[in-house]
N, C-alpha and C. Protein backbone atom coordinates (compact mmCIF):
# COMPACT_ATOMS: atom_id res chain seq x y z
N HIS A 1 155.05 -138.50 52.68
CA HIS A 1 155.65 -139.95 52.90
C HIS A 1 154.58 -141.01 52.19
N LEU A 2 153.69 -140.64 51.24
CA LEU A 2 152.78 -141.48 50.76
C LEU A 2 153.78 -142.01 48.98
N LEU A 3 154.65 -141.06 48.46
CA LEU A 3 155.47 -141.29 47.02
C LEU A 3 155.38 -142.57 47.03
N PRO A 4 155.89 -143.47 48.22
CA PRO A 4 156.41 -144.75 47.64
C PRO A 4 154.97 -145.77 47.58
N TYR A 5 154.04 -145.25 47.60
CA TYR A 5 152.42 -145.88 47.43
C TYR A 5 152.09 -145.32 46.31
N LEU A 6 152.70 -144.60 45.69
CA LEU A 6 151.99 -144.27 44.30
C LEU A 6 152.65 -144.48 43.16
N GLU A 7 151.89 -144.48 42.07
CA GLU A 7 152.67 -144.74 40.52
C GLU A 7 151.98 -143.87 39.71
N ALA A 8 153.03 -143.49 38.95
CA ALA A 8 152.44 -142.55 37.42
C ALA A 8 152.49 -143.21 35.99
N SER A 9 151.78 -142.97 35.03
CA SER A 9 151.74 -143.05 34.04
C SER A 9 151.61 -142.14 33.23
N LYS A 10 151.77 -141.90 32.00
CA LYS A 10 151.53 -140.85 31.00
C LYS A 10 151.21 -141.51 30.09
N LYS A 11 149.32 -140.59 29.66
CA LYS A 11 148.82 -141.38 28.82
C LYS A 11 148.56 -140.14 27.72
N GLY A 12 149.00 -139.61 26.90
CA GLY A 12 148.74 -138.44 26.01
C GLY A 12 149.23 -137.39 26.48
N ASP A 13 148.13 -136.60 26.99
CA ASP A 13 148.31 -135.32 27.47
C ASP A 13 148.35 -135.23 28.90
N TYR A 14 147.64 -136.47 29.63
CA TYR A 14 147.43 -136.94 31.07
C TYR A 14 148.29 -137.45 31.60
N ILE A 15 148.24 -137.50 32.89
CA ILE A 15 149.05 -138.27 33.69
C ILE A 15 147.98 -139.26 34.69
N VAL A 16 148.13 -140.67 34.99
CA VAL A 16 147.19 -141.03 35.60
C VAL A 16 148.18 -141.29 36.58
N ILE A 17 147.97 -141.07 38.04
CA ILE A 17 148.11 -141.51 38.84
C ILE A 17 147.81 -142.76 40.14
N GLY A 18 148.42 -143.56 40.23
CA GLY A 18 147.37 -144.56 41.03
C GLY A 18 148.25 -144.96 42.51
N SER A 19 147.21 -145.50 43.24
CA SER A 19 147.71 -146.06 44.52
C SER A 19 148.13 -147.36 44.15
N LYS A 20 149.43 -147.96 44.89
CA LYS A 20 149.80 -149.35 44.78
C LYS A 20 148.91 -150.07 46.21
N ARG A 21 148.37 -149.40 47.03
CA ARG A 21 147.53 -149.81 47.98
C ARG A 21 146.51 -149.38 48.47
N TYR A 22 145.76 -149.85 48.93
CA TYR A 22 144.61 -149.35 49.96
C TYR A 22 144.98 -147.84 50.48
N LEU A 23 144.59 -146.66 50.22
CA LEU A 23 144.47 -145.33 50.70
C LEU A 23 143.30 -145.10 51.51
N SER A 24 144.19 -144.64 52.75
CA SER A 24 142.79 -144.46 54.09
C SER A 24 142.25 -143.10 53.19
N PRO A 25 141.04 -142.76 54.27
CA PRO A 25 140.19 -141.28 53.46
C PRO A 25 141.24 -140.55 53.90
N GLU A 26 141.98 -140.28 54.96
CA GLU A 26 143.23 -138.69 55.26
C GLU A 26 144.00 -138.99 54.40
N GLU A 27 144.97 -140.60 53.99
CA GLU A 27 145.70 -140.58 52.83
C GLU A 27 145.16 -139.61 51.65
N GLU A 28 143.95 -140.12 51.17
CA GLU A 28 143.25 -139.90 49.62
C GLU A 28 143.69 -138.47 49.89
N GLN A 29 143.16 -137.63 51.02
CA GLN A 29 142.86 -136.10 50.93
C GLN A 29 144.29 -135.68 51.13
N VAL A 30 145.13 -136.15 51.15
CA VAL A 30 146.76 -135.72 51.58
C VAL A 30 147.06 -136.04 49.82
N VAL A 31 146.47 -136.79 49.18
CA VAL A 31 147.13 -137.13 47.94
C VAL A 31 146.57 -135.46 46.93
N ILE A 32 145.07 -135.57 47.14
CA ILE A 32 144.46 -134.86 46.15
C ILE A 32 144.55 -133.49 46.65
N ARG A 33 145.01 -132.82 48.05
CA ARG A 33 145.59 -131.60 47.85
C ARG A 33 146.77 -131.21 47.39
N LEU A 34 147.66 -132.61 47.15
CA LEU A 34 148.97 -132.36 46.38
C LEU A 34 148.79 -132.37 44.95
N LEU A 35 147.77 -132.89 44.86
CA LEU A 35 147.50 -133.22 43.02
C LEU A 35 146.57 -132.08 42.90
N SER A 36 145.76 -131.30 43.62
CA SER A 36 144.74 -129.97 42.97
C SER A 36 145.44 -129.21 42.79
N THR A 37 146.64 -128.88 42.93
CA THR A 37 147.48 -127.67 42.34
C THR A 37 148.23 -128.22 40.56
N ALA A 38 148.05 -129.66 40.42
CA ALA A 38 148.10 -129.74 39.19
C ALA A 38 147.32 -130.06 38.02
N GLY A 39 146.26 -130.03 38.88
CA GLY A 39 144.96 -130.00 37.61
C GLY A 39 144.27 -131.00 37.70
N ILE A 40 143.43 -131.82 38.69
CA ILE A 40 142.54 -133.02 38.66
C ILE A 40 141.61 -132.83 38.05
N VAL A 41 141.94 -133.86 36.98
CA VAL A 41 140.40 -134.00 35.86
C VAL A 41 139.11 -135.11 36.30
N ASP A 42 139.81 -136.35 36.87
CA ASP A 42 138.68 -136.75 37.12
C ASP A 42 139.55 -138.18 38.06
N SER A 43 139.06 -138.75 38.93
CA SER A 43 139.52 -139.73 39.71
C SER A 43 138.39 -140.91 39.38
N ALA A 44 138.93 -142.32 39.88
CA ALA A 44 138.25 -143.68 39.76
C ALA A 44 138.64 -144.14 41.32
N LEU A 45 137.70 -145.25 41.65
CA LEU A 45 138.12 -146.10 42.35
C LEU A 45 137.82 -147.71 41.46
N ILE A 46 139.05 -148.56 41.45
CA ILE A 46 139.20 -149.43 40.77
C ILE A 46 140.05 -150.76 41.59
N ASN A 47 139.06 -151.39 41.67
CA ASN A 47 139.51 -153.01 42.76
C ASN A 47 139.98 -152.66 43.96
N GLY A 48 139.54 -151.55 44.88
CA GLY A 48 140.04 -151.13 46.33
C GLY A 48 141.15 -150.13 46.02
N ARG A 49 141.70 -149.76 44.71
CA ARG A 49 142.81 -148.73 44.62
C ARG A 49 142.38 -147.52 43.59
N ARG A 50 142.72 -146.16 44.42
CA ARG A 50 142.28 -144.87 43.99
C ARG A 50 143.31 -144.65 42.78
N TYR A 51 142.63 -144.02 41.74
CA TYR A 51 143.60 -143.44 40.44
C TYR A 51 143.04 -142.17 39.96
N TRP A 52 143.92 -141.22 39.85
CA TRP A 52 143.50 -139.30 39.70
C TRP A 52 144.01 -139.58 38.18
N VAL A 53 143.18 -138.65 38.14
CA VAL A 53 143.66 -138.54 36.21
C VAL A 53 143.94 -136.92 36.28
N VAL A 54 145.26 -136.26 35.76
CA VAL A 54 145.66 -135.56 36.08
C VAL A 54 146.00 -134.72 34.96
N LYS A 55 145.72 -133.45 34.42
CA LYS A 55 146.67 -132.88 33.35
C LYS A 55 147.18 -131.53 33.39
N PRO A 56 148.68 -131.79 33.60
CA PRO A 56 149.10 -130.93 34.22
C PRO A 56 149.15 -129.49 33.18
N LYS A 57 149.38 -128.45 34.33
CA LYS A 57 149.04 -127.04 33.73
C LYS A 57 150.66 -126.36 33.26
N HIS A 58 150.69 -126.35 32.00
CA HIS A 58 151.50 -125.59 31.23
C HIS A 58 151.83 -124.19 31.47
N SER A 59 152.86 -123.84 31.65
CA SER A 59 153.09 -122.39 32.18
C SER A 59 153.48 -121.78 30.80
N GLY A 60 153.56 -120.54 30.80
CA GLY A 60 153.82 -120.00 29.54
C GLY A 60 152.08 -119.42 29.01
N ALA A 61 152.22 -118.50 27.85
CA ALA A 61 150.87 -118.48 27.30
C ALA A 61 150.11 -119.65 26.60
N CYS A 62 148.96 -119.34 26.50
CA CYS A 62 147.98 -120.26 25.91
C CYS A 62 147.72 -120.28 24.54
């Protein structure tokens, strides 16, 4: 139910996921749980909005 409040952009090998509005701590935890499987690299709070940097895990041999 939080997808309408999130936006994503690709920056090189990384994907930046940002909130379009303030997220409650409970909502942030839901997003963190979802993104943790994708590989969260960093997060920041900018102007009251949370952003997460994700480096997608590639399948196959490295």
